[in-house]
Amino acid sequence: MKNEDAVRLFDQYSDDLFRFAVSYVGSKHDAEDIVQEVFLKILGKHIPIIKSTEKTYLPCSYGTFLFPFLNTYYS
C-alpha cells in the first residue's frame, strides 16, 4: 500500500474506527491508541486494498485487530 493510500484511508475511516473503539472501551484515550494500532497493523501487512472493497474490508479488520488488542490491553 502506498503512503498516500494509507493517509487517505486514515483520513476517511479513522473517525468511524474511533467511535467503534470508544463504544467498546469507553475511553477516548484508549480508543485513540486502538485506532493507531489498527492502522499500523493494516499498513504492516502490506495488503492491497481495492478501493471498491475498502468500506467493507476496514470494518471487518477493526474487529480482527480490536478484539485481540483488547484482550492484551486489559489483561
N, C-alpha and C. Protein backbone atom coordinates (compact mmCIF):
# COMPACT_ATOMS: atom_id res chain seq x y z
N MET A 1 0.85 -1.18 0.00
CA MET A 1 0.00 0.00 0.00
C MET A 1 0.90 1.24 0.00
N LYS A 2 0.58 2.16 -0.86
CA LYS A 2 1.34 3.40 -0.95
C LYS A 2 1.00 4.30 0.24
N ASN A 3 1.94 5.15 0.60
CA ASN A 3 1.73 6.07 1.73
C ASN A 3 0.51 6.96 1.52
N GLU A 4 0.34 7.45 0.29
CA GLU A 4 -0.81 8.34 0.05
C GLU A 4 -2.13 7.59 0.18
N ASP A 5 -2.14 6.29 -0.17
CA ASP A 5 -3.34 5.48 0.03
C ASP A 5 -3.62 5.30 1.52
N ALA A 6 -2.58 5.08 2.28
CA ALA A 6 -2.74 4.90 3.73
C ALA A 6 -3.26 6.17 4.38
N VAL A 7 -2.73 7.30 3.97
CA VAL A 7 -3.20 8.58 4.52
C VAL A 7 -4.66 8.80 4.17
N ARG A 8 -5.03 8.49 2.93
CA ARG A 8 -6.42 8.65 2.51
C ARG A 8 -7.35 7.75 3.32
N LEU A 9 -6.95 6.49 3.51
CA LEU A 9 -7.76 5.57 4.31
C LEU A 9 -7.91 6.06 5.74
N PHE A 10 -6.80 6.50 6.31
CA PHE A 10 -6.85 7.01 7.68
C PHE A 10 -7.78 8.21 7.77
N ASP A 11 -7.62 9.15 6.85
CA ASP A 11 -8.47 10.35 6.86
C ASP A 11 -9.94 10.00 6.70
N GLN A 12 -10.20 9.00 5.86
CA GLN A 12 -11.59 8.67 5.56
C GLN A 12 -12.25 7.80 6.63
N TYR A 13 -11.50 6.93 7.28
CA TYR A 13 -12.13 5.93 8.15
C TYR A 13 -11.72 5.97 9.63
N SER A 14 -10.77 6.79 9.98
CA SER A 14 -10.30 6.77 11.38
C SER A 14 -11.38 7.23 12.36
N ASP A 15 -12.23 8.17 11.96
CA ASP A 15 -13.30 8.61 12.86
C ASP A 15 -14.29 7.48 13.15
N ASP A 16 -14.61 6.70 12.11
CA ASP A 16 -15.52 5.56 12.31
C ASP A 16 -14.91 4.54 13.26
N LEU A 17 -13.64 4.23 13.06
CA LEU A 17 -12.96 3.29 13.93
C LEU A 17 -12.89 3.83 15.35
N PHE A 18 -12.62 5.11 15.49
CA PHE A 18 -12.54 5.73 16.80
C PHE A 18 -13.87 5.59 17.55
N ARG A 19 -14.97 5.89 16.89
CA ARG A 19 -16.29 5.76 17.54
C ARG A 19 -16.58 4.30 17.89
N PHE A 20 -16.21 3.40 17.00
CA PHE A 20 -16.38 1.97 17.24
C PHE A 20 -15.58 1.55 18.48
N ALA A 21 -14.34 1.99 18.57
CA ALA A 21 -13.49 1.63 19.70
C ALA A 21 -13.99 2.25 21.00
N VAL A 22 -14.41 3.51 20.96
CA VAL A 22 -14.94 4.16 22.17
C VAL A 22 -16.16 3.41 22.69
N SER A 23 -16.99 2.92 21.77
CA SER A 23 -18.19 2.20 22.20
C SER A 23 -17.84 0.91 22.95
N TYR A 24 -16.67 0.34 22.66
CA TYR A 24 -16.25 -0.88 23.36
C TYR A 24 -15.47 -0.59 24.63
N VAL A 25 -14.55 0.38 24.58
CA VAL A 25 -13.66 0.59 25.74
C VAL A 25 -14.11 1.72 26.64
N GLY A 26 -14.93 2.64 26.13
CA GLY A 26 -15.45 3.72 26.95
C GLY A 26 -14.45 4.82 27.27
N SER A 27 -13.26 4.74 26.71
CA SER A 27 -12.22 5.73 26.97
C SER A 27 -11.71 6.29 25.66
N LYS A 28 -11.75 7.62 25.53
CA LYS A 28 -11.26 8.24 24.31
C LYS A 28 -9.76 8.03 24.13
N HIS A 29 -9.04 8.10 25.24
CA HIS A 29 -7.58 7.90 25.17
C HIS A 29 -7.25 6.50 24.69
N ASP A 30 -7.90 5.50 25.26
CA ASP A 30 -7.66 4.11 24.84
C ASP A 30 -8.10 3.90 23.40
N ALA A 31 -9.20 4.52 23.00
CA ALA A 31 -9.69 4.39 21.63
C ALA A 31 -8.69 4.96 20.64
N GLU A 32 -8.06 6.07 21.00
CA GLU A 32 -7.03 6.65 20.12
C GLU A 32 -5.86 5.67 19.94
N ASP A 33 -5.46 5.02 21.02
CA ASP A 33 -4.40 4.01 20.94
C ASP A 33 -4.80 2.86 20.02
N ILE A 34 -6.05 2.44 20.14
CA ILE A 34 -6.55 1.34 19.32
C ILE A 34 -6.55 1.73 17.84
N VAL A 35 -7.00 2.93 17.52
CA VAL A 35 -7.02 3.39 16.13
C VAL A 35 -5.59 3.35 15.57
N GLN A 36 -4.66 3.84 16.34
CA GLN A 36 -3.27 3.84 15.89
C GLN A 36 -2.78 2.42 15.65
N GLU A 37 -3.04 1.53 16.57
CA GLU A 37 -2.60 0.14 16.43
C GLU A 37 -3.23 -0.54 15.23
N VAL A 38 -4.51 -0.33 15.01
CA VAL A 38 -5.19 -0.97 13.89
C VAL A 38 -4.58 -0.52 12.57
N PHE A 39 -4.39 0.78 12.40
CA PHE A 39 -3.84 1.25 11.14
C PHE A 39 -2.38 0.83 10.96
N LEU A 40 -1.62 0.79 12.03
CA LEU A 40 -0.24 0.31 11.91
C LEU A 40 -0.20 -1.16 11.51
N LYS A 41 -1.10 -1.95 12.05
CA LYS A 41 -1.14 -3.37 11.68
C LYS A 41 -1.59 -3.55 10.24
N ILE A 42 -2.58 -2.79 9.82
CA ILE A 42 -3.02 -2.87 8.43
C ILE A 42 -1.88 -2.49 7.49
N LEU A 43 -1.18 -1.42 7.81
CA LEU A 43 -0.06 -0.98 6.98
C LEU A 43 1.07 -2.01 6.99
N GLY A 44 1.32 -2.61 8.14
CA GLY A 44 2.39 -3.58 8.27
C GLY A 44 2.15 -4.85 7.48
N LYS A 45 0.92 -5.15 7.19
CA LYS A 45 0.59 -6.37 6.44
C LYS A 45 0.75 -6.19 4.94
N HIS A 46 0.86 -4.97 4.48
CA HIS A 46 1.04 -4.67 3.05
C HIS A 46 -0.02 -5.36 2.19
N ILE A 47 -1.25 -5.32 2.67
CA ILE A 47 -2.36 -5.91 1.93
C ILE A 47 -2.89 -4.87 0.95
N PRO A 48 -2.93 -5.20 -0.32
CA PRO A 48 -3.54 -4.25 -1.26
C PRO A 48 -5.05 -4.21 -1.04
N ILE A 49 -5.57 -3.04 -0.78
CA ILE A 49 -6.99 -2.88 -0.55
C ILE A 49 -7.59 -2.21 -1.78
N ILE A 50 -8.50 -2.90 -2.41
CA ILE A 50 -9.16 -2.37 -3.60
C ILE A 50 -10.17 -1.31 -3.17
N LYS A 51 -10.12 -0.18 -3.82
CA LYS A 51 -10.97 0.95 -3.42
C LYS A 51 -12.44 0.56 -3.32
N SER A 52 -12.92 -0.28 -4.21
CA SER A 52 -14.33 -0.66 -4.19
C SER A 52 -14.69 -1.56 -2.99
N THR A 53 -13.70 -2.17 -2.35
CA THR A 53 -13.99 -3.06 -1.22
C THR A 53 -13.51 -2.51 0.12
N GLU A 54 -12.89 -1.34 0.13
CA GLU A 54 -12.32 -0.85 1.38
C GLU A 54 -13.37 -0.56 2.45
N LYS A 55 -14.56 -0.14 2.05
CA LYS A 55 -15.60 0.18 3.03
C LYS A 55 -16.06 -1.08 3.76
N THR A 56 -16.00 -2.24 3.12
CA THR A 56 -16.34 -3.49 3.80
C THR A 56 -15.13 -4.14 4.45
N TYR A 57 -13.95 -3.98 3.85
CA TYR A 57 -12.75 -4.59 4.41
C TYR A 57 -12.36 -3.96 5.74
N LEU A 58 -12.35 -2.64 5.80
CA LEU A 58 -11.86 -1.97 7.00
C LEU A 58 -12.70 -2.25 8.24
N PRO A 59 -14.03 -2.18 8.18
CA PRO A 59 -14.79 -2.53 9.40
C PRO A 59 -14.52 -3.97 9.86
N CYS A 60 -14.35 -4.89 8.93
CA CYS A 60 -14.02 -6.27 9.32
C CYS A 60 -12.67 -6.32 10.00
N SER A 61 -11.73 -5.53 9.49
CA SER A 61 -10.40 -5.54 10.10
C SER A 61 -10.42 -4.88 11.48
N TYR A 62 -11.36 -3.98 11.73
CA TYR A 62 -11.45 -3.39 13.06
C TYR A 62 -11.59 -4.50 14.10
N GLY A 63 -12.58 -5.36 13.86
CA GLY A 63 -12.81 -6.45 14.80
C GLY A 63 -11.64 -7.40 14.88
N THR A 64 -11.05 -7.71 13.74
CA THR A 64 -9.91 -8.61 13.70
C THR A 64 -8.77 -8.10 14.56
N PHE A 65 -8.53 -6.80 14.51
CA PHE A 65 -7.44 -6.22 15.29
C PHE A 65 -7.88 -5.70 16.65
N LEU A 66 -9.12 -5.30 16.77
CA LEU A 66 -9.59 -4.71 18.01
C LEU A 66 -9.69 -5.73 19.14
N PHE A 67 -10.29 -6.88 18.89
CA PHE A 67 -10.55 -7.82 19.98
C PHE A 67 -9.27 -8.42 20.57
N PRO A 68 -8.28 -8.83 19.77
CA PRO A 68 -7.02 -9.28 20.38
C PRO A 68 -6.32 -8.15 21.13
N PHE A 69 -6.41 -6.94 20.60
CA PHE A 69 -5.81 -5.79 21.27
C PHE A 69 -6.47 -5.58 22.63
N LEU A 70 -7.78 -5.67 22.68
CA LEU A 70 -8.50 -5.50 23.94
C LEU A 70 -8.09 -6.57 24.95
N ASN A 71 -7.93 -7.81 24.48
CA ASN A 71 -7.53 -8.88 25.39
C ASN A 71 -6.18 -8.61 26.02
N THR A 72 -5.22 -8.13 25.23
CA THR A 72 -3.90 -7.86 25.79
C THR A 72 -3.87 -6.55 26.57
N TYR A 73 -4.64 -5.58 26.10
CA TYR A 73 -4.64 -4.26 26.72
C TYR A 73 -5.24 -4.28 28.11
N TYR A 74 -6.27 -5.08 28.28
CA TYR A 74 -6.97 -5.11 29.57
C TYR A 74 -6.67 -6.37 30.39
N SER A 75 -5.64 -7.11 30.01
CA SER A 75 -5.27 -8.31 30.80
C SER A 75 -4.41 -7.93 31.97
